[in-house]
Amino acid sequence: MDTLTRLAATIAARRDADPATSWVAKLHAKGLPVIAKKLGEEAVETVIAALSGTREELVGEAADTLFHLMVLLDAKGIPLDEVLAELDRREGTSGIAEKASRSE
């Protein structure tokens, strides 16, 4: 089992835990808008770290962004496997070609 798969399982297990003891449960208790906002904040912090931070800051912010993205996916009932399957589907396709196919 890889890191992201283990993380997805941990997030699912903690979704309904006590919000006083689990960050995942606390986010879920506050609802989707708060989860989405937190993901946005982490994404911005990742961009800032990429532009002006250290390597270690970027690694930490990237981890925070991935974590909060996975919490959001869990909140929407989208399994990690579905996202991974989409990445597999896109493998070997030019990003330009893939984006053009979505805008038709």
Protein backbone atom coordinates (compact mmCIF):
# COMPACT_ATOMS: atom_id res chain seq x y z
CA MET A 1 0.00 0.00 0.00
CA ASP A 2 1.48 3.34 -0.97
CA THR A 3 1.55 6.55 1.04
CA LEU A 4 -1.45 8.20 -0.64
CA THR A 5 -3.56 5.05 -0.32
CA ARG A 6 -2.74 4.82 3.39
CA LEU A 7 -3.52 8.51 3.80
CA ALA A 8 -6.88 8.10 2.06
CA ALA A 9 -7.74 5.24 4.42
CA THR A 10 -6.72 7.30 7.46
CA ILE A 11 -8.81 10.27 6.30
CA ALA A 12 -11.84 8.01 5.77
CA ALA A 13 -11.37 6.43 9.21
CA ARG A 14 -11.14 9.81 10.93
CA ARG A 15 -14.02 11.50 9.08
CA ASP A 16 -16.50 10.74 11.86
CA ALA A 17 -14.09 10.93 14.80
CA ASP A 18 -14.32 13.48 17.58
CA PRO A 19 -13.60 16.93 16.09
CA ALA A 20 -11.82 17.83 19.33
CA THR A 21 -9.17 15.20 18.62
CA SER A 22 -9.06 14.92 14.83
CA TRP A 23 -8.28 17.64 12.28
CA VAL A 24 -10.05 15.61 9.58
CA ALA A 25 -13.19 15.32 11.72
CA LYS A 26 -13.00 19.02 12.60
CA LEU A 27 -12.85 19.97 8.92
CA HIS A 28 -15.74 17.64 8.07
CA ALA A 29 -17.81 19.05 10.93
CA LYS A 30 -17.32 22.57 9.53
CA GLY A 31 -18.47 21.48 6.08
CA LEU A 32 -17.43 21.56 2.46
CA PRO A 33 -16.96 25.34 2.14
CA VAL A 34 -14.40 25.35 4.96
CA ILE A 35 -12.61 22.31 3.51
CA ALA A 36 -12.46 23.96 0.08
CA LYS A 37 -11.22 27.23 1.57
CA LYS A 38 -8.50 25.41 3.50
CA LEU A 39 -7.37 23.66 0.31
CA GLY A 40 -7.22 27.03 -1.44
CA GLU A 41 -5.16 28.52 1.39
CA GLU A 42 -2.73 25.62 1.26
CA ALA A 43 -2.45 25.90 -2.53
CA VAL A 44 -1.60 29.60 -2.25
CA GLU A 45 0.98 28.85 0.43
CA THR A 46 2.48 26.24 -1.90
CA VAL A 47 2.78 28.78 -4.70
CA ILE A 48 4.39 31.31 -2.36
CA ALA A 49 6.86 28.69 -1.13
CA ALA A 50 7.68 27.77 -4.73
CA LEU A 51 8.41 31.38 -5.60
CA SER A 52 10.20 32.62 -2.49
CA GLY A 53 10.56 29.85 0.07
CA THR A 54 13.12 27.20 0.76
CA ARG A 55 13.03 23.69 -0.62
CA GLU A 56 11.87 22.43 2.79
CA GLU A 57 9.04 24.99 2.91
CA LEU A 58 7.86 23.91 -0.54
CA VAL A 59 7.94 20.24 0.43
CA GLY A 60 5.91 20.97 3.58
CA GLU A 61 3.36 23.12 1.79
CA ALA A 62 3.02 20.58 -1.03
CA ALA A 63 2.30 17.89 1.58
CA ASP A 64 -0.31 20.14 3.21
CA THR A 65 -1.93 20.77 -0.18
CA LEU A 66 -2.09 17.06 -1.04
CA PHE A 67 -3.52 16.27 2.39
CA HIS A 68 -6.26 18.88 2.16
CA LEU A 69 -7.07 17.89 -1.44
CA MET A 70 -7.60 14.34 -0.20
CA VAL A 71 -9.84 15.58 2.62
CA LEU A 72 -11.90 17.46 0.01
CA LEU A 73 -12.13 14.39 -2.24
CA ASP A 74 -13.27 12.34 0.76
CA ALA A 75 -15.89 14.95 1.62
CA LYS A 76 -17.25 14.72 -1.93
CA GLY A 77 -17.22 10.91 -1.88
CA ILE A 78 -14.58 10.66 -4.60
CA PRO A 79 -12.16 7.80 -3.99
CA LEU A 80 -8.46 8.32 -4.63
CA ASP A 81 -8.59 5.42 -7.10
CA GLU A 82 -10.90 7.46 -9.33
CA VAL A 83 -8.40 10.33 -9.51
CA LEU A 84 -5.52 7.92 -10.09
CA ALA A 85 -7.49 6.24 -12.88
CA GLU A 86 -7.96 9.64 -14.53
CA LEU A 87 -4.22 10.28 -14.30
CA ASP A 88 -3.61 6.83 -15.82
CA ARG A 89 -6.01 7.66 -18.63
CA ARG A 90 -4.09 10.84 -19.38
CA GLU A 91 -0.68 9.17 -19.25
CA GLY A 92 1.18 9.55 -22.51
CA THR A 93 -1.12 12.31 -23.72
CA SER A 94 0.25 15.77 -24.32
CA GLY A 95 -1.04 18.22 -21.74
CA ILE A 96 -1.89 20.59 -24.55
CA ALA A 97 -3.86 17.92 -26.42
CA GLU A 98 -5.61 16.78 -23.24
CA LYS A 99 -6.67 20.32 -22.34
CA ALA A 100 -7.91 20.95 -25.89
CA SER A 101 -10.07 17.81 -25.72
CA ARG A 102 -11.84 19.15 -22.62
CA SER A 103 -12.73 22.51 -24.17
CA GLU A 104 -14.68 21.03 -27.08
